[in-house]
Amino acid sequence: MSAQREMKEKNHWHKPVTIIITVIGVMAIVALVTVAVLQNRPLSQKYKYGIVMDAGSSHTALYIYAWPAEKDNNTGRVEQTHSCKVKGPGISSYASNPSKAGESLRVCMQEAKQLVPANHHSETPLYLGATAGMRLLNLEDSSASDRVFHAVEGALQKFPFSFQGARILSGQEEGAFGWVTVNYLDDRLKQGLETKGALDLGGASTQISFVSDTFDGSESPDNNVNFRLYGNDYNLYTHSFLCYGKDQALRMTLAQQTLSGPGSILDPCFHRGYTDTKNYSVLYDSPCVSKMKPQNATPTFTHKGGGDFLQCQDVIKRIFNFTHCKYNQCSFNGIFQPFLQGQYGAFSAYYFVMDFLNLTDTSIPLEDVKEKLKRYCATPWSELTQQHGNIKYLAEYCFSGTYIVTLLTEGYNFTSQTYPTIKYIKKIKGSDAGWTLGYMLNLTNMIPAEAPDTPPLPHAGYVSIVTIMAILLFVLFIVSLRPLWPRCSKQPHII
């Protein structure tokens, strides 16, 4: 009887102990899984901001960028959250009245002040980069350029952001940063994919930038930029042609047609029926054409349209020099250019002009593009104004479209076979294509030279493995307690 009583008491003691140990084990495993989930769950997103102002030749634009704060200088994607086009011309146009250059920026800066959270104002960098318009003004009158920058800086310093200064970008920088923007937004840099070339067309300059397997920089060091991004080396060919933006190119073609100082010209790049009176002093008020100004010309001349695409091409070709090249191969004006390679993104004026002309689809054969331009240029001016009204630049689209095709084919050597490698783009994943994003990425070191370290497992995979291991440990723990399980049911009851 004493043995039975002892066995019974022992079994009664083991049962609560087993329950307690099991409960503690379950609680420990639940705590382990909970901590793993909480520790590794995505945090509520906090952002940092940056502002870049693009002071171009024809206008100024402001861009606001944002990126995840906890991934700063690592893997966080920088995205454009807002853009604002400044009313009025580019800041270089205010050379005679610099204070207005600063005042013109106020409306867009007020928008930025409202859109960037107030607690981030003091830490948000603000950059202003000026391009070909200010490069030309600096060449013509450096004192006037300095006065414009002084006025602009004074206006921007009144806002609560971290102003990093205003400066003129070199043509090489403009081309290289445009290339960075296109490939960054397309995720080609981070993933180490084959990069796209960048074709940028502004009002006063145009840039071409691409990676070529045959270009090592030795033949033309001035056109070479080296980048190391995400652990990959890029040997970039880039060149900027000052005076070959669409506005200055138009001036050069008009200058070619008025060398003798005539009282009127019949311009094949403008529509039949178009007529306007132009001032010689205004036309030649640019370093791109000032040396070509005819002597003893009348104050004005009559500009009439002829509407002929083929003749327009002939006029445009006169502003290029295709005869001189000291290298194995050139684009134009004696500038070295390696063989074209890969795909290209064409943005800025390339996109806006070709979009208006409904020619952004590069699957359309090049010969068909030329035929459509031929028909467009032959459209009478009266018919065009009736169809579109008095929109800005309407009179110039025949010239601009013809200039783009001529620049790409005669200048950069695109052919019927390689023309489809071009894609006309305005935005990539919600961000404007252009140099501004690449400029900010460079100055804020947002693209690391080496590929960032990444965890071996994604968050979901990590939590799944921890949970499975925890359940397995729990099962093993229960099995290990088998010797302590109550055996009352297996013992004979003696009465």
Protein backbone atom coordinates (compact mmCIF):
# COMPACT_ATOMS: atom_id res chain seq x y z
CA MET A 1 0.00 0.00 0.00
CA SER A 2 2.85 2.42 0.79
CA ALA A 3 4.43 1.78 -2.64
CA GLN A 4 1.14 2.53 -4.35
CA ARG A 5 0.69 5.68 -2.33
CA GLU A 6 4.24 6.81 -3.14
CA MET A 7 3.69 6.14 -6.87
CA LYS A 8 0.43 8.03 -6.80
CA GLU A 9 1.99 11.02 -5.03
CA LYS A 10 4.92 10.99 -7.46
CA ASN A 11 2.59 11.01 -10.47
CA HIS A 12 0.55 13.85 -8.94
CA TRP A 13 3.79 15.84 -8.50
CA HIS A 14 5.03 15.27 -12.05
CA LYS A 15 1.84 16.37 -13.74
CA PRO A 16 1.86 20.05 -12.64
CA VAL A 17 5.63 20.29 -13.19
CA THR A 18 5.22 19.06 -16.77
CA ILE A 19 2.45 21.57 -17.37
CA ILE A 20 4.51 24.42 -15.93
CA ILE A 21 7.58 23.51 -18.00
CA THR A 22 5.45 23.20 -21.14
CA VAL A 23 3.81 26.59 -20.55
CA ILE A 24 7.21 28.21 -19.95
CA GLY A 25 8.55 26.62 -23.14
CA VAL A 26 5.60 27.84 -25.17
CA MET A 27 5.96 31.35 -23.72
CA ALA A 28 9.69 31.37 -24.48
CA ILE A 29 9.10 30.32 -28.11
CA VAL A 30 6.29 32.87 -28.56
CA ALA A 31 8.57 35.55 -27.12
CA LEU A 32 11.40 34.49 -29.46
CA VAL A 33 9.19 34.69 -32.54
CA THR A 34 7.62 37.98 -31.40
CA VAL A 35 11.01 39.61 -30.82
CA ALA A 36 12.24 38.40 -34.23
CA VAL A 37 9.19 39.82 -35.97
CA LEU A 38 9.23 43.14 -34.12
CA GLN A 39 12.98 43.59 -34.44
CA ASN A 40 12.94 43.05 -38.19
CA ARG A 41 9.62 44.52 -39.23
CA PRO A 42 9.70 47.44 -41.68
CA LEU A 43 9.81 50.71 -39.76
CA SER A 44 7.49 53.60 -40.48
CA GLN A 45 9.14 55.43 -43.37
CA LYS A 46 11.02 58.64 -42.62
CA TYR A 47 12.39 60.72 -45.45
CA LYS A 48 15.16 63.12 -46.28
CA TYR A 49 14.80 65.78 -48.97
CA GLY A 50 16.89 67.63 -51.51
CA ILE A 51 16.12 70.51 -53.89
CA VAL A 52 17.85 71.23 -57.20
CA MET A 53 17.20 74.22 -59.44
CA ASP A 54 18.01 73.82 -63.12
CA ALA A 55 18.83 77.30 -64.44
CA GLY A 56 18.70 76.63 -68.18
CA SER A 57 19.03 79.01 -71.09
CA SER A 58 15.30 79.34 -71.78
CA HIS A 59 13.79 78.76 -68.33
CA THR A 60 14.49 77.65 -64.75
CA ALA A 61 12.89 74.62 -63.10
CA LEU A 62 12.87 73.44 -59.48
CA TYR A 63 12.85 69.76 -58.48
CA ILE A 64 12.22 68.28 -55.04
CA TYR A 65 13.66 64.82 -54.31
CA ALA A 66 13.00 62.51 -51.36
CA TRP A 67 14.55 59.26 -50.16
CA PRO A 68 14.17 56.92 -47.14
CA ALA A 69 16.22 58.34 -44.28
CA GLU A 70 17.22 54.98 -42.77
CA LYS A 71 18.74 53.92 -46.11
CA ASP A 72 20.70 57.11 -46.68
CA ASN A 73 23.89 56.47 -48.71
CA ASN A 74 22.92 52.84 -49.15
CA THR A 75 20.01 51.32 -51.03
CA GLY A 76 17.28 53.94 -50.68
CA ARG A 77 15.74 54.99 -53.97
CA VAL A 78 15.68 58.73 -54.57
CA GLU A 79 12.43 59.86 -56.17
CA GLN A 80 11.18 63.15 -57.51
CA THR A 81 8.19 64.34 -55.51
CA HIS A 82 7.51 67.73 -57.13
CA SER A 83 8.60 70.01 -59.95
CA CYS A 84 7.93 73.69 -60.53
CA LYS A 85 8.65 75.65 -63.69
CA VAL A 86 9.71 79.21 -62.96
CA LYS A 87 7.75 81.80 -64.92
CA GLY A 88 9.76 83.88 -67.32
CA PRO A 89 13.02 83.29 -69.19
CA GLY A 90 16.26 81.81 -67.90
CA ILE A 91 18.33 83.75 -65.37
CA SER A 92 20.90 84.67 -68.04
CA SER A 93 18.22 86.85 -69.66
CA TYR A 94 18.28 89.16 -66.62
CA ALA A 95 21.86 90.32 -67.17
CA SER A 96 20.73 93.96 -67.45
CA ASN A 97 18.47 93.69 -64.38
CA PRO A 98 19.96 91.01 -62.05
CA SER A 99 17.57 91.57 -59.16
CA LYS A 100 14.70 90.22 -61.26
CA ALA A 101 16.60 86.96 -61.68
CA GLY A 102 16.34 86.38 -57.94
CA GLU A 103 12.74 87.56 -57.74
CA SER A 104 11.69 85.17 -60.48
CA LEU A 105 12.53 82.17 -58.28
CA ARG A 106 10.35 83.20 -55.34
CA VAL A 107 7.07 81.48 -56.33
CA CYS A 108 8.65 78.06 -56.86
CA MET A 109 10.70 78.43 -53.68
CA GLN A 110 7.52 79.19 -51.72
CA GLU A 111 6.04 75.95 -53.09
CA ALA A 112 9.12 74.05 -51.93
CA LYS A 113 8.84 75.62 -48.48
CA GLN A 114 5.28 74.34 -48.17
CA LEU A 115 5.91 70.88 -49.59
CA VAL A 116 9.05 69.97 -47.64
CA PRO A 117 8.08 69.30 -43.97
CA ALA A 118 9.08 72.21 -41.76
CA ASN A 119 11.16 70.03 -39.42
CA HIS A 120 13.33 69.07 -42.42
CA HIS A 121 13.92 72.58 -43.79
CA SER A 122 17.27 73.24 -42.12
CA GLU A 123 18.73 69.88 -43.18
CA THR A 124 17.45 69.94 -46.78
CA PRO A 125 20.23 70.84 -49.23
CA LEU A 126 19.36 73.36 -51.95
CA TYR A 127 21.46 73.53 -55.10
CA LEU A 128 21.29 75.75 -58.16
CA GLY A 129 23.12 74.65 -61.27
CA ALA A 130 23.27 76.90 -64.32
CA THR A 131 23.94 75.48 -67.76
CA ALA A 132 24.64 76.76 -71.27
CA GLY A 133 22.76 80.06 -70.99
CA MET A 134 24.99 81.21 -68.14
CA ARG A 135 28.05 79.66 -69.80
CA LEU A 136 27.41 81.94 -72.77
CA LEU A 137 26.80 84.98 -70.57
CA ASN A 138 30.00 84.26 -68.65
CA LEU A 139 31.91 84.14 -71.94
CA GLU A 140 30.34 87.40 -73.12
CA ASP A 141 30.39 89.36 -69.85
CA SER A 142 31.73 87.66 -66.72
CA SER A 143 30.85 90.66 -64.54
CA ALA A 144 27.20 90.45 -65.60
CA SER A 145 27.27 86.72 -64.87
CA ASP A 146 28.62 87.40 -61.37
CA ARG A 147 25.90 89.98 -60.71
CA VAL A 148 23.17 87.54 -61.72
CA PHE A 149 24.58 84.84 -59.44
CA HIS A 150 24.88 87.33 -56.57
CA ALA A 151 21.20 88.26 -56.94
CA VAL A 152 20.13 84.63 -57.19
CA GLU A 153 22.13 83.59 -54.15
CA GLY A 154 20.74 86.49 -52.12
CA ALA A 155 17.18 85.44 -52.98
CA LEU A 156 17.72 81.75 -52.18
CA GLN A 157 19.47 82.44 -48.86
CA LYS A 158 16.26 84.02 -47.57
CA PHE A 159 14.61 80.60 -47.48
CA PRO A 160 15.10 78.19 -44.55
CA PHE A 161 16.89 75.47 -46.52
CA SER A 162 20.57 74.54 -46.42
CA PHE A 163 21.68 76.51 -49.46
CA GLN A 164 24.78 74.95 -51.01
CA GLY A 165 25.54 77.68 -53.53
CA ALA A 166 24.90 78.44 -57.20
CA ARG A 167 27.39 77.56 -59.90
CA ILE A 168 27.81 77.00 -63.62
CA LEU A 169 28.03 73.36 -64.64
CA SER A 170 30.56 72.48 -67.28
CA GLY A 171 29.24 70.84 -70.43
CA GLN A 172 30.98 67.62 -69.41
CA GLU A 173 29.22 67.64 -66.02
CA GLU A 174 25.85 68.29 -67.63
CA GLY A 175 26.28 65.34 -69.97
CA ALA A 176 27.68 62.97 -67.34
CA PHE A 177 25.01 63.72 -64.71
CA GLY A 178 22.27 63.27 -67.32
CA TRP A 179 23.72 59.81 -68.02
CA VAL A 180 23.74 59.02 -64.28
CA THR A 181 20.09 60.08 -63.94
CA VAL A 182 18.87 57.94 -66.84
CA ASN A 183 20.67 54.81 -65.66
CA TYR A 184 19.96 55.33 -61.95
CA LEU A 185 16.22 55.65 -62.50
CA ASP A 186 16.28 52.61 -64.78
CA ASP A 187 18.01 50.56 -62.03
CA ARG A 188 20.86 49.74 -64.41
CA LEU A 189 23.64 50.95 -62.13
CA LYS A 190 22.55 49.11 -59.01
CA GLN A 191 22.00 45.85 -60.87
CA GLY A 192 25.13 46.15 -62.99
CA LEU A 193 23.17 45.98 -66.26
CA GLU A 194 24.28 47.35 -69.62
CA THR A 195 23.83 51.11 -69.46
CA LYS A 196 21.88 53.42 -71.74
CA GLY A 197 23.37 56.41 -73.49
CA ALA A 198 21.96 59.87 -72.78
CA LEU A 199 21.00 62.45 -75.41
CA ASP A 200 20.15 65.88 -74.00
CA LEU A 201 19.00 68.87 -76.03
CA GLY A 202 18.55 72.26 -74.43
CA GLY A 203 18.14 75.76 -75.75
CA ALA A 204 21.86 76.62 -75.93
CA SER A 205 23.73 73.30 -75.85
CA THR A 206 23.34 69.60 -76.56
CA GLN A 207 25.06 66.63 -74.90
CA ILE A 208 25.78 63.04 -75.91
CA SER A 209 27.03 60.52 -73.32
CA PHE A 210 27.45 56.75 -73.55
CA VAL A 211 29.70 53.86 -72.53
CA SER A 212 31.69 52.39 -75.40
CA ASP A 213 33.76 49.21 -75.30
CA THR A 214 36.17 50.75 -77.81
CA PHE A 215 36.78 53.99 -75.87
CA ASP A 216 39.41 54.06 -73.13
CA GLY A 217 39.89 57.83 -73.01
CA SER A 218 43.40 57.80 -74.49
CA GLU A 219 42.41 59.20 -77.88
CA SER A 220 40.37 62.09 -76.46
CA PRO A 221 40.88 62.52 -72.67
CA ASP A 222 38.70 65.66 -72.54
CA ASN A 223 35.66 63.53 -73.44
CA ASN A 224 36.31 60.88 -70.80
CA VAL A 225 34.64 60.57 -67.38
CA ASN A 226 35.25 57.62 -65.08
CA PHE A 227 32.69 56.49 -62.50
CA ARG A 228 32.78 53.70 -59.93
CA LEU A 229 29.21 53.05 -58.86
CA TYR A 230 27.84 50.11 -56.85
CA GLY A 231 31.10 48.26 -57.32
CA ASN A 232 31.19 48.65 -61.12
CA ASP A 233 33.55 50.79 -63.20
CA TYR A 234 32.17 52.87 -66.06
CA ASN A 235 34.31 54.53 -68.71
CA LEU A 236 32.00 57.20 -70.09
CA TYR A 237 32.34 59.13 -73.32
CA THR A 238 30.61 62.52 -73.07
CA HIS A 239 30.67 65.75 -75.01
CA SER A 240 28.67 68.96 -74.86
CA PHE A 241 28.28 71.17 -77.93
CA LEU A 242 27.84 74.77 -76.82
CA CYS A 243 25.70 76.81 -79.25
CA TYR A 244 24.05 73.65 -80.63
CA GLY A 245 20.94 73.72 -78.47
CA LYS A 246 17.84 74.28 -80.58
CA ASP A 247 17.50 78.03 -79.87
CA GLN A 248 21.11 78.92 -80.60
CA ALA A 249 21.15 76.57 -83.60
CA LEU A 250 18.19 78.52 -84.99
CA ARG A 251 20.16 81.73 -84.55
CA MET A 252 23.10 80.21 -86.41
CA THR A 253 20.92 79.12 -89.35
CA LEU A 254 19.37 82.59 -89.54
CA ALA A 255 22.85 84.11 -89.36
CA GLN A 256 23.95 81.88 -92.25
CA GLN A 257 21.04 83.20 -94.30
CA THR A 258 21.67 86.87 -93.46
CA LEU A 259 25.44 87.08 -93.91
CA SER A 260 25.02 89.70 -96.62
CA GLY A 261 22.59 91.77 -94.54
CA PRO A 262 19.52 91.39 -96.81
CA GLY A 263 16.25 93.15 -96.19
CA SER A 264 14.32 89.87 -96.34
CA ILE A 265 14.95 86.11 -96.49
CA LEU A 266 12.85 83.12 -97.56
CA ASP A 267 13.56 80.55 -94.85
CA PRO A 268 12.73 76.93 -95.81
CA CYS A 269 12.58 75.95 -92.11
CA PHE A 270 9.42 78.04 -91.55
CA HIS A 271 5.96 77.47 -93.04
CA ARG A 272 4.68 79.08 -96.22
CA GLY A 273 2.66 82.15 -95.32
CA TYR A 274 4.68 82.85 -92.18
CA THR A 275 6.17 86.34 -92.04
CA ASP A 276 7.78 88.33 -89.26
CA THR A 277 10.04 91.33 -88.86
CA LYS A 278 13.26 90.57 -86.98
CA ASN A 279 15.84 92.93 -85.55
CA TYR A 280 19.45 92.31 -86.59
CA SER A 281 20.83 93.49 -83.23
CA VAL A 282 18.59 91.03 -81.35
CA LEU A 283 19.42 88.11 -83.64
CA TYR A 284 23.16 88.63 -83.27
CA ASP A 285 23.07 89.33 -79.55
CA SER A 286 24.76 86.03 -78.65
CA PRO A 287 28.39 84.85 -78.59
CA CYS A 288 27.33 82.01 -80.89
CA VAL A 289 26.70 84.42 -83.79
CA SER A 290 28.00 87.85 -82.75
CA LYS A 291 31.14 87.55 -84.92
CA MET A 292 28.99 86.82 -87.97
CA LYS A 293 26.95 90.03 -87.81
CA PRO A 294 26.89 91.72 -91.23
CA GLN A 295 28.26 95.25 -91.49
CA ASN A 296 26.11 98.14 -92.72
CA ALA A 297 22.94 96.04 -92.61
CA THR A 298 19.50 97.59 -92.22
CA PRO A 299 18.16 97.57 -88.64
CA THR A 300 15.59 94.88 -89.45
CA PHE A 301 14.83 92.19 -91.99
CA THR A 302 11.67 90.38 -93.04
CA HIS A 303 11.62 86.71 -92.18
CA LYS A 304 9.40 84.71 -94.56
CA GLY A 305 8.68 80.97 -94.59
CA GLY A 306 9.34 78.65 -97.52
CA GLY A 307 8.21 75.36 -95.95
CA ASP A 308 10.65 72.89 -97.52
CA PHE A 309 12.11 70.09 -95.35
CA LEU A 310 14.94 69.11 -97.72
CA GLN A 311 16.09 72.70 -98.22
CA CYS A 312 15.81 73.22 -94.47
CA GLN A 313 18.18 70.29 -93.94
CA ASP A 314 20.65 71.87 -96.35
CA VAL A 315 20.52 75.15 -94.40
CA ILE A 316 21.02 73.35 -91.09
CA LYS A 317 23.98 71.32 -92.37
CA ARG A 318 25.85 74.58 -92.99
CA ILE A 319 26.23 75.17 -89.24
CA PHE A 320 28.12 71.86 -88.88
CA ASN A 321 31.69 71.23 -89.97
CA PHE A 322 32.05 67.69 -91.31
CA THR A 323 35.33 68.17 -93.18
CA HIS A 324 37.88 68.40 -90.36
CA CYS A 325 38.72 65.38 -88.15
CA LYS A 326 42.16 64.59 -86.73
CA TYR A 327 40.90 61.38 -85.10
CA ASN A 328 39.87 58.02 -86.52
CA GLN A 329 36.27 59.19 -86.44
CA CYS A 330 34.34 62.29 -85.42
CA SER A 331 30.83 63.55 -84.86
CA PHE A 332 31.17 67.11 -86.18
CA ASN A 333 33.33 70.19 -85.74
CA GLY A 334 36.39 67.94 -85.39
CA ILE A 335 35.15 66.34 -82.15
CA PHE A 336 36.09 62.71 -81.55
CA GLN A 337 33.23 60.25 -81.06
CA PRO A 338 33.52 56.44 -80.75
CA PHE A 339 31.12 54.10 -82.49
CA LEU A 340 27.58 54.29 -81.13
CA GLN A 341 26.74 51.46 -78.75
CA GLY A 342 23.62 50.25 -76.96
CA GLN A 343 20.28 51.93 -76.27
CA TYR A 344 19.76 55.69 -75.81
CA GLY A 345 17.37 57.89 -73.89
CA ALA A 346 16.68 61.26 -75.57
CA PHE A 347 15.14 63.87 -73.28
CA SER A 348 14.49 67.58 -72.69
CA ALA A 349 13.83 69.35 -76.03
CA TYR A 350 14.26 66.07 -77.91
CA TYR A 351 11.12 64.77 -76.22
CA PHE A 352 9.02 67.95 -76.27
CA VAL A 353 9.59 68.66 -79.96
CA MET A 354 9.07 65.09 -81.15
CA ASP A 355 6.05 64.67 -78.89
CA PHE A 356 4.38 67.70 -80.47
CA LEU A 357 5.11 66.26 -83.91
CA ASN A 358 3.82 62.80 -82.86
CA LEU A 359 7.19 61.28 -83.70
CA THR A 360 8.31 59.83 -80.35
CA ASP A 361 7.67 56.28 -81.56
CA THR A 362 11.09 55.25 -82.87
CA SER A 363 9.70 52.03 -84.30
CA ILE A 364 8.60 54.29 -87.14
CA PRO A 365 11.30 53.89 -89.83
CA LEU A 366 13.64 56.85 -90.14
CA GLU A 367 12.61 57.45 -93.74
CA ASP A 368 8.97 57.67 -92.64
CA VAL A 369 9.97 60.18 -89.95
CA LYS A 370 11.57 62.34 -92.61
CA GLU A 371 8.51 62.00 -94.85
CA LYS A 372 6.20 63.10 -92.03
CA LEU A 373 8.44 66.10 -91.33
CA LYS A 374 8.38 66.93 -95.01
CA ARG A 375 4.57 67.02 -95.00
CA TYR A 376 4.46 68.97 -91.74
CA CYS A 377 6.88 71.65 -92.97
CA ALA A 378 4.87 71.99 -96.18
CA THR A 379 1.68 72.74 -94.19
CA PRO A 380 0.65 76.39 -94.78
CA TRP A 381 1.03 78.69 -91.78
CA SER A 382 -2.63 79.70 -91.88
CA GLU A 383 -3.74 76.07 -91.65
CA LEU A 384 -1.34 75.42 -88.78
CA THR A 385 -2.49 78.40 -86.70
CA GLN A 386 -6.11 77.47 -87.31
CA GLN A 387 -5.42 73.96 -86.04
CA HIS A 388 -3.23 74.80 -83.00
CA GLY A 389 -3.95 78.42 -82.20
CA ASN A 390 -1.21 80.78 -81.11
CA ILE A 391 0.85 78.36 -79.01
CA LYS A 392 4.45 79.10 -78.03
CA TYR A 393 7.15 77.88 -80.41
CA LEU A 394 4.55 76.88 -83.04
CA ALA A 395 6.48 78.62 -85.80
CA GLU A 396 9.71 76.83 -84.84
CA TYR A 397 8.62 73.17 -84.81
CA CYS A 398 9.46 72.61 -88.48
CA PHE A 399 12.98 73.87 -87.82
CA SER A 400 13.31 72.04 -84.48
CA GLY A 401 12.11 68.68 -85.83
CA THR A 402 14.37 68.95 -88.88
CA TYR A 403 17.28 70.01 -86.67
CA ILE A 404 16.82 66.99 -84.35
CA VAL A 405 16.81 64.51 -87.23
CA THR A 406 19.81 66.22 -88.82
CA LEU A 407 21.75 66.37 -85.54
CA LEU A 408 21.11 62.68 -84.80
CA THR A 409 21.86 61.36 -88.28
CA GLU A 410 24.41 63.76 -89.77
CA GLY A 411 25.94 64.89 -86.47
CA TYR A 412 25.97 61.81 -84.23
CA ASN A 413 25.90 59.23 -87.04
CA PHE A 414 22.68 57.41 -86.21
CA THR A 415 21.46 55.40 -89.21
CA SER A 416 18.20 53.77 -90.26
CA GLN A 417 19.40 50.67 -88.40
CA THR A 418 20.48 52.41 -85.17
CA TYR A 419 17.74 55.07 -84.97
CA PRO A 420 15.34 52.58 -83.25
CA THR A 421 17.83 52.32 -80.35
CA ILE A 422 16.71 55.82 -79.32
CA LYS A 423 13.78 56.21 -76.94
CA TYR A 424 12.33 59.68 -76.47
CA ILE A 425 11.60 60.08 -72.77
CA LYS A 426 10.11 62.74 -70.53
CA LYS A 427 10.09 60.88 -67.23
CA ILE A 428 11.40 57.60 -65.84
CA LYS A 429 9.33 56.12 -63.00
CA GLY A 430 7.84 59.51 -62.16
CA SER A 431 11.10 61.51 -62.21
CA ASP A 432 12.08 63.93 -64.97
CA ALA A 433 14.99 62.83 -67.12
CA GLY A 434 17.81 65.36 -66.94
CA TRP A 435 21.03 66.20 -65.14
CA THR A 436 19.52 67.46 -61.86
CA LEU A 437 19.02 64.12 -60.11
CA GLY A 438 22.47 62.86 -61.08
CA TYR A 439 23.93 66.15 -59.83
CA MET A 440 22.29 65.82 -56.42
CA LEU A 441 23.17 62.10 -56.15
CA ASN A 442 26.81 63.01 -56.72
CA LEU A 443 26.94 65.89 -54.25
CA THR A 444 25.13 63.97 -51.50
CA ASN A 445 27.09 60.72 -52.09
CA MET A 446 23.83 58.84 -52.46
CA ILE A 447 25.37 56.33 -54.87
CA PRO A 448 28.10 54.35 -53.09
CA ALA A 449 31.26 53.43 -54.98
CA GLU A 450 30.97 49.87 -53.72
CA ALA A 451 27.89 47.67 -53.77
CA PRO A 452 26.14 47.97 -50.38
CA ASP A 453 26.00 44.96 -48.09
CA THR A 454 22.66 43.21 -48.01
CA PRO A 455 21.35 40.64 -45.51
CA PRO A 456 21.54 37.03 -46.74
CA LEU A 457 17.77 36.66 -46.33
CA PRO A 458 14.86 39.00 -46.92
CA HIS A 459 12.72 39.93 -43.93
CA ALA A 460 9.89 37.49 -44.76
CA GLY A 461 12.30 34.60 -45.28
CA TYR A 462 14.11 35.36 -42.04
CA VAL A 463 10.90 35.37 -39.98
CA SER A 464 9.68 32.17 -41.65
CA ILE A 465 12.88 30.29 -40.82
CA VAL A 466 12.89 31.52 -37.21
CA THR A 467 9.26 30.44 -36.78
CA ILE A 468 9.86 26.97 -38.25
CA MET A 469 12.95 26.46 -36.09
CA ALA A 470 11.05 27.60 -33.00
CA ILE A 471 8.23 25.11 -33.66
CA LEU A 472 10.76 22.33 -34.27
CA LEU A 473 12.54 23.13 -31.00
CA PHE A 474 9.21 23.11 -29.20
CA VAL A 475 8.35 19.65 -30.55
CA LEU A 476 11.78 18.34 -29.57
CA PHE A 477 11.36 19.88 -26.14
CA ILE A 478 8.01 18.13 -25.58
CA VAL A 479 9.45 14.81 -26.76
CA SER A 480 12.39 15.22 -24.37
CA LEU A 481 9.90 15.39 -21.48
CA ARG A 482 8.45 11.96 -22.32
CA PRO A 483 10.17 10.18 -19.34
CA LEU A 484 8.40 12.58 -17.02
CA TRP A 485 4.93 12.09 -18.47
CA PRO A 486 2.40 10.70 -15.87
CA ARG A 487 2.08 6.92 -16.03
CA CYS A 488 -0.96 6.56 -13.85
CA SER A 489 -3.03 5.21 -16.67
CA LYS A 490 -0.49 2.41 -17.24
CA GLN A 491 -0.22 1.30 -13.58
CA PRO A 492 -2.54 -1.46 -12.22
CA HIS A 493 -4.96 -0.20 -9.58
CA ILE A 494 -4.82 -2.40 -6.46
CA ILE A 495 -7.79 -2.10 -4.18
